[in-house]
Amino acid sequence: KASERDLPIILVAHHPIFTESVNEDEAGVN
């Protein structure tokens, strides 16, 4: 639905998907 609008798409989550690298180790914060 959001992509149908001509506006930036910003999401808010509690945990980051990753912190520094997509391949970083799992640390309980990602």
All heavy atoms as atom14 arrays in JSON, in Angstrom:
{
  "sequence": "KASERDLPIILVAHHPIFTESVNEDEAGVN",
  "atom14_mask": [
    [1, 1, 1, 1, 1, 1, 1, 1, 1, 0, 0, 0, 0, 0],
    [1, 1, 1, 1, 1, 0, 0, 0, 0, 0, 0, 0, 0, 0],
    [1, 1, 1, 1, 1, 1, 0, 0, 0, 0, 0, 0, 0, 0],
    [1, 1, 1, 1, 1, 1, 1, 1, 1, 0, 0, 0, 0, 0],
    [1, 1, 1, 1, 1, 1, 1, 1, 1, 1, 1, 0, 0, 0],
    [1, 1, 1, 1, 1, 1, 1, 1, 0, 0, 0, 0, 0, 0],
    [1, 1, 1, 1, 1, 1, 1, 1, 0, 0, 0, 0, 0, 0],
    [1, 1, 1, 1, 1, 1, 1, 0, 0, 0, 0, 0, 0, 0],
    [1, 1, 1, 1, 1, 1, 1, 1, 0, 0, 0, 0, 0, 0],
    [1, 1, 1, 1, 1, 1, 1, 1, 0, 0, 0, 0, 0, 0],
    [1, 1, 1, 1, 1, 1, 1, 1, 0, 0, 0, 0, 0, 0],
    [1, 1, 1, 1, 1, 1, 1, 0, 0, 0, 0, 0, 0, 0],
    [1, 1, 1, 1, 1, 0, 0, 0, 0, 0, 0, 0, 0, 0],
    [1, 1, 1, 1, 1, 1, 1, 1, 1, 1, 0, 0, 0, 0],
    [1, 1, 1, 1, 1, 1, 1, 1, 1, 1, 0, 0, 0, 0],
    [1, 1, 1, 1, 1, 1, 1, 0, 0, 0, 0, 0, 0, 0],
    [1, 1, 1, 1, 1, 1, 1, 1, 0, 0, 0, 0, 0, 0],
    [1, 1, 1, 1, 1, 1, 1, 1, 1, 1, 1, 0, 0, 0],
    [1, 1, 1, 1, 1, 1, 1, 0, 0, 0, 0, 0, 0, 0],
    [1, 1, 1, 1, 1, 1, 1, 1, 1, 0, 0, 0, 0, 0],
    [1, 1, 1, 1, 1, 1, 0, 0, 0, 0, 0, 0, 0, 0],
    [1, 1, 1, 1, 1, 1, 1, 0, 0, 0, 0, 0, 0, 0],
    [1, 1, 1, 1, 1, 1, 1, 1, 0, 0, 0, 0, 0, 0],
    [1, 1, 1, 1, 1, 1, 1, 1, 1, 0, 0, 0, 0, 0],
    [1, 1, 1, 1, 1, 1, 1, 1, 0, 0, 0, 0, 0, 0],
    [1, 1, 1, 1, 1, 1, 1, 1, 1, 0, 0, 0, 0, 0],
    [1, 1, 1, 1, 1, 0, 0, 0, 0, 0, 0, 0, 0, 0],
    [1, 1, 1, 1, 0, 0, 0, 0, 0, 0, 0, 0, 0, 0],
    [1, 1, 1, 1, 1, 1, 1, 0, 0, 0, 0, 0, 0, 0],
    [1, 1, 1, 1, 1, 1, 1, 1, 0, 0, 0, 0, 0, 0]
  ],
  "atom14_positions": [
    [[0.84, -1.21, 0.0], [0.0, 0.0, 0.0], [0.86, 1.25, 0.0], [0.58, 2.21, -0.72], [-0.92, 0.0, 1.22], [-2.04, -1.01, 1.13], [-2.89, -0.97, 2.38], [-3.92, -2.08, 2.37], [-4.68, -2.13, 3.63], [0.0, 0.0, 0.0], [0.0, 0.0, 0.0], [0.0, 0.0, 0.0], [0.0, 0.0, 0.0], [0.0, 0.0, 0.0]],
    [[1.9, 1.25, 0.83], [2.77, 2.43, 0.92], [3.48, 2.71, -0.4], [3.68, 3.87, -0.76], [3.79, 2.24, 2.04], [0.0, 0.0, 0.0], [0.0, 0.0, 0.0], [0.0, 0.0, 0.0], [0.0, 0.0, 0.0], [0.0, 0.0, 0.0], [0.0, 0.0, 0.0], [0.0, 0.0, 0.0], [0.0, 0.0, 0.0], [0.0, 0.0, 0.0]],
    [[3.83, 1.67, -1.12], [4.57, 1.85, -2.37], [3.71, 2.45, -3.47], [4.24, 2.93, -4.47], [5.18, 0.53, -2.83], [4.18, -0.37, -3.26], [0.0, 0.0, 0.0], [0.0, 0.0, 0.0], [0.0, 0.0, 0.0], [0.0, 0.0, 0.0], [0.0, 0.0, 0.0], [0.0, 0.0, 0.0], [0.0, 0.0, 0.0], [0.0, 0.0, 0.0]],
    [[2.4, 2.45, -3.3], [1.5, 3.05, -4.28], [1.5, 4.57, -4.2], [1.04, 5.24, -5.11], [0.08, 2.52, -4.07], [-0.06, 1.04, -4.36], [-1.42, 0.49, -3.97], [-2.27, 1.25, -3.44], [-1.64, -0.72, -4.18], [0.0, 0.0, 0.0], [0.0, 0.0, 0.0], [0.0, 0.0, 0.0], [0.0, 0.0, 0.0], [0.0, 0.0, 0.0]],
    [[2.0, 5.1, -3.09], [2.03, 6.55, -2.89], [3.39, 7.09, -3.32], [4.39, 6.38, -3.31], [1.77, 6.87, -1.43], [0.43, 6.27, -0.96], [0.27, 6.34, 0.51], [0.04, 7.73, 0.86], [-0.02, 8.15, 2.11], [0.13, 7.32, 3.1], [-0.23, 9.43, 2.37], [0.0, 0.0, 0.0], [0.0, 0.0, 0.0], [0.0, 0.0, 0.0]],
    [[3.44, 8.31, -3.69], [4.7, 8.92, -4.11], [5.35, 9.63, -2.91], [5.54, 10.84, -2.93], [4.44, 9.9, -5.26], [5.73, 10.41, -5.87], [6.76, 9.69, -5.81], [5.73, 11.53, -6.4], [0.0, 0.0, 0.0], [0.0, 0.0, 0.0], [0.0, 0.0, 0.0], [0.0, 0.0, 0.0], [0.0, 0.0, 0.0], [0.0, 0.0, 0.0]],
    [[5.65, 8.84, -1.89], [6.25, 9.36, -0.67], [7.36, 8.42, -0.22], [7.34, 7.23, -0.54], [5.2, 9.45, 0.45], [4.04, 10.41, 0.23], [2.97, 10.19, 1.29], [4.54, 11.85, 0.27], [0.0, 0.0, 0.0], [0.0, 0.0, 0.0], [0.0, 0.0, 0.0], [0.0, 0.0, 0.0], [0.0, 0.0, 0.0], [0.0, 0.0, 0.0]],
    [[8.33, 8.92, 0.54], [9.36, 8.02, 1.08], [8.71, 6.98, 1.99], [7.7, 7.25, 2.65], [10.27, 8.95, 1.89], [9.98, 10.32, 1.39], [8.56, 10.31, 0.92], [0.0, 0.0, 0.0], [0.0, 0.0, 0.0], [0.0, 0.0, 0.0], [0.0, 0.0, 0.0], [0.0, 0.0, 0.0], [0.0, 0.0, 0.0], [0.0, 0.0, 0.0]],
    [[9.3, 5.8, 2.03], [8.81, 4.74, 2.91], [9.79, 4.6, 4.07], [10.96, 4.26, 3.88], [8.66, 3.41, 2.16], [7.61, 3.56, 1.05], [8.26, 2.29, 3.13], [7.43, 2.33, 0.19], [0.0, 0.0, 0.0], [0.0, 0.0, 0.0], [0.0, 0.0, 0.0], [0.0, 0.0, 0.0], [0.0, 0.0, 0.0], [0.0, 0.0, 0.0]],
    [[9.28, 4.89, 5.26], [10.07, 4.83, 6.49], [9.39, 3.84, 7.42], [8.19, 3.94, 7.67], [10.14, 6.21, 7.17], [10.75, 7.24, 6.2], [10.93, 6.13, 8.47], [10.63, 8.68, 6.67], [0.0, 0.0, 0.0], [0.0, 0.0, 0.0], [0.0, 0.0, 0.0], [0.0, 0.0, 0.0], [0.0, 0.0, 0.0], [0.0, 0.0, 0.0]],
    [[10.16, 2.88, 7.92], [9.62, 1.9, 8.86], [10.26, 2.13, 10.22], [11.4, 2.6, 10.3], [9.94, 0.48, 8.4], [9.25, 0.07, 7.1], [10.15, 0.3, 5.94], [8.81, -1.35, 7.18], [0.0, 0.0, 0.0], [0.0, 0.0, 0.0], [0.0, 0.0, 0.0], [0.0, 0.0, 0.0], [0.0, 0.0, 0.0], [0.0, 0.0, 0.0]],
    [[9.54, 1.76, 11.27], [10.04, 1.87, 12.63], [9.91, 0.52, 13.29], [8.85, -0.1, 13.25], [9.26, 2.94, 13.43], [9.78, 3.04, 14.85], [9.32, 4.3, 12.73], [0.0, 0.0, 0.0], [0.0, 0.0, 0.0], [0.0, 0.0, 0.0], [0.0, 0.0, 0.0], [0.0, 0.0, 0.0], [0.0, 0.0, 0.0], [0.0, 0.0, 0.0]],
    [[11.01, 0.05, 13.88], [11.03, -1.25, 14.55], [11.79, -1.11, 15.86], [12.58, -0.17, 16.04], [11.71, -2.29, 13.67], [0.0, 0.0, 0.0], [0.0, 0.0, 0.0], [0.0, 0.0, 0.0], [0.0, 0.0, 0.0], [0.0, 0.0, 0.0], [0.0, 0.0, 0.0], [0.0, 0.0, 0.0], [0.0, 0.0, 0.0], [0.0, 0.0, 0.0]],
    [[11.56, -2.03, 16.76], [12.31, -1.99, 18.02], [13.75, -2.45, 17.81], [14.69, -1.76, 18.16], [11.62, -2.84, 19.1], [12.35, -2.79, 20.4], [12.2, -1.73, 21.26], [13.26, -3.62, 20.96], [12.98, -1.92, 22.31], [13.63, -3.08, 22.16], [0.0, 0.0, 0.0], [0.0, 0.0, 0.0], [0.0, 0.0, 0.0], [0.0, 0.0, 0.0]],
    [[13.93, -3.64, 17.25], [15.26, -4.2, 17.0], [15.74, -3.83, 15.6], [14.97, -3.88, 14.66], [15.24, -5.74, 17.09], [15.11, -6.27, 18.46], [13.9, -6.45, 19.07], [16.05, -6.65, 19.36], [14.09, -6.93, 20.28], [15.38, -7.06, 20.48], [0.0, 0.0, 0.0], [0.0, 0.0, 0.0], [0.0, 0.0, 0.0], [0.0, 0.0, 0.0]],
    [[17.03, -3.54, 15.45], [17.57, -3.37, 14.1], [17.66, -4.73, 13.41], [17.83, -5.76, 14.07], [18.96, -2.78, 14.34], [19.33, -3.2, 15.72], [18.04, -3.31, 16.49], [0.0, 0.0, 0.0], [0.0, 0.0, 0.0], [0.0, 0.0, 0.0], [0.0, 0.0, 0.0], [0.0, 0.0, 0.0], [0.0, 0.0, 0.0], [0.0, 0.0, 0.0]],
    [[17.54, -4.74, 12.09], [17.72, -5.98, 11.34], [19.17, -6.45, 11.52], [19.44, -7.62, 11.76], [17.35, -5.79, 9.86], [15.84, -5.55, 9.74], [17.79, -7.01, 9.04], [15.36, -5.29, 8.33], [0.0, 0.0, 0.0], [0.0, 0.0, 0.0], [0.0, 0.0, 0.0], [0.0, 0.0, 0.0], [0.0, 0.0, 0.0], [0.0, 0.0, 0.0]],
    [[20.1, -5.51, 11.39], [21.51, -5.74, 11.72], [22.07, -4.41, 12.17], [21.45, -3.37, 11.98], [22.29, -6.35, 10.55], [22.4, -5.47, 9.34], [23.42, -4.54, 9.23], [21.5, -5.58, 8.3], [23.53, -3.73, 8.11], [21.59, -4.77, 7.17], [22.62, -3.85, 7.08], [0.0, 0.0, 0.0], [0.0, 0.0, 0.0], [0.0, 0.0, 0.0]],
    [[23.25, -4.43, 12.79], [23.81, -3.18, 13.28], [24.9, -2.62, 12.37], [24.89, -1.44, 12.07], [24.35, -3.33, 14.72], [25.34, -4.35, 14.75], [23.23, -3.65, 15.68], [0.0, 0.0, 0.0], [0.0, 0.0, 0.0], [0.0, 0.0, 0.0], [0.0, 0.0, 0.0], [0.0, 0.0, 0.0], [0.0, 0.0, 0.0], [0.0, 0.0, 0.0]],
    [[25.83, -3.46, 11.93], [26.93, -2.98, 11.09], [27.04, -3.7, 9.76], [27.38, -3.1, 8.76], [28.25, -3.07, 11.85], [28.28, -2.15, 13.06], [29.57, -2.26, 13.84], [30.59, -2.71, 13.28], [29.56, -1.89, 15.02], [0.0, 0.0, 0.0], [0.0, 0.0, 0.0], [0.0, 0.0, 0.0], [0.0, 0.0, 0.0], [0.0, 0.0, 0.0]],
    [[26.77, -5.0, 9.75], [26.92, -5.8, 8.54], [25.82, -6.85, 8.49], [25.5, -7.47, 9.5], [28.28, -6.5, 8.54], [28.32, -7.51, 7.55], [0.0, 0.0, 0.0], [0.0, 0.0, 0.0], [0.0, 0.0, 0.0], [0.0, 0.0, 0.0], [0.0, 0.0, 0.0], [0.0, 0.0, 0.0], [0.0, 0.0, 0.0], [0.0, 0.0, 0.0]],
    [[25.26, -7.04, 7.31], [24.19, -8.02, 7.15], [24.66, -9.42, 7.53], [23.86, -10.26, 7.92], [23.62, -7.97, 5.71], [24.62, -8.53, 4.72], [22.29, -8.67, 5.62], [0.0, 0.0, 0.0], [0.0, 0.0, 0.0], [0.0, 0.0, 0.0], [0.0, 0.0, 0.0], [0.0, 0.0, 0.0], [0.0, 0.0, 0.0], [0.0, 0.0, 0.0]],
    [[25.97, -9.67, 7.49], [26.52, -10.99, 7.81], [27.06, -11.09, 9.23], [27.69, -12.09, 9.58], [27.62, -11.35, 6.81], [27.07, -11.48, 5.41], [26.03, -12.09, 5.2], [27.74, -10.87, 4.45], [0.0, 0.0, 0.0], [0.0, 0.0, 0.0], [0.0, 0.0, 0.0], [0.0, 0.0, 0.0], [0.0, 0.0, 0.0], [0.0, 0.0, 0.0]],
    [[26.84, -10.07, 10.06], [27.36, -10.11, 11.43], [26.74, -11.26, 12.22], [25.66, -11.76, 11.86], [27.09, -8.78, 12.14], [25.62, -8.52, 12.41], [25.32, -7.08, 12.78], [26.18, -6.2, 12.59], [24.19, -6.82, 13.24], [0.0, 0.0, 0.0], [0.0, 0.0, 0.0], [0.0, 0.0, 0.0], [0.0, 0.0, 0.0], [0.0, 0.0, 0.0]],
    [[27.41, -11.65, 13.27], [26.92, -12.72, 14.12], [25.62, -12.3, 14.81], [25.39, -11.11, 15.05], [27.95, -13.08, 15.19], [29.19, -13.75, 14.61], [29.08, -14.34, 13.5], [30.25, -13.68, 15.25], [0.0, 0.0, 0.0], [0.0, 0.0, 0.0], [0.0, 0.0, 0.0], [0.0, 0.0, 0.0], [0.0, 0.0, 0.0], [0.0, 0.0, 0.0]],
    [[24.83, -13.28, 15.15], [23.62, -13.02, 15.94], [24.06, -12.64, 17.34], [24.94, -13.27, 17.93], [22.73, -14.26, 15.96], [22.17, -14.59, 14.59], [21.33, -15.84, 14.57], [20.82, -16.26, 15.62], [21.18, -16.42, 13.48], [0.0, 0.0, 0.0], [0.0, 0.0, 0.0], [0.0, 0.0, 0.0], [0.0, 0.0, 0.0], [0.0, 0.0, 0.0]],
    [[23.45, -11.58, 17.86], [23.89, -11.07, 19.16], [22.73, -10.74, 20.09], [22.92, -10.09, 21.1], [24.77, -9.84, 18.95], [0.0, 0.0, 0.0], [0.0, 0.0, 0.0], [0.0, 0.0, 0.0], [0.0, 0.0, 0.0], [0.0, 0.0, 0.0], [0.0, 0.0, 0.0], [0.0, 0.0, 0.0], [0.0, 0.0, 0.0], [0.0, 0.0, 0.0]],
    [[21.52, -11.11, 19.71], [20.38, -10.78, 20.56], [19.89, -9.36, 20.39], [18.86, -8.99, 20.93], [0.0, 0.0, 0.0], [0.0, 0.0, 0.0], [0.0, 0.0, 0.0], [0.0, 0.0, 0.0], [0.0, 0.0, 0.0], [0.0, 0.0, 0.0], [0.0, 0.0, 0.0], [0.0, 0.0, 0.0], [0.0, 0.0, 0.0], [0.0, 0.0, 0.0]],
    [[20.64, -8.55, 19.65], [20.23, -7.17, 19.38], [19.87, -6.98, 17.92], [19.47, -5.9, 17.52], [21.31, -6.14, 19.78], [21.56, -6.17, 21.27], [22.6, -6.37, 19.0], [0.0, 0.0, 0.0], [0.0, 0.0, 0.0], [0.0, 0.0, 0.0], [0.0, 0.0, 0.0], [0.0, 0.0, 0.0], [0.0, 0.0, 0.0], [0.0, 0.0, 0.0]],
    [[20.04, -8.03, 17.12], [19.71, -7.99, 15.7], [18.82, -9.17, 15.38], [18.62, -10.05, 16.21], [21.0, -8.02, 14.87], [21.93, -9.15, 15.28], [21.54, -10.13, 15.88], [23.2, -9.01, 14.93], [0.0, 0.0, 0.0], [0.0, 0.0, 0.0], [0.0, 0.0, 0.0], [0.0, 0.0, 0.0], [0.0, 0.0, 0.0], [0.0, 0.0, 0.0]]
  ]
}
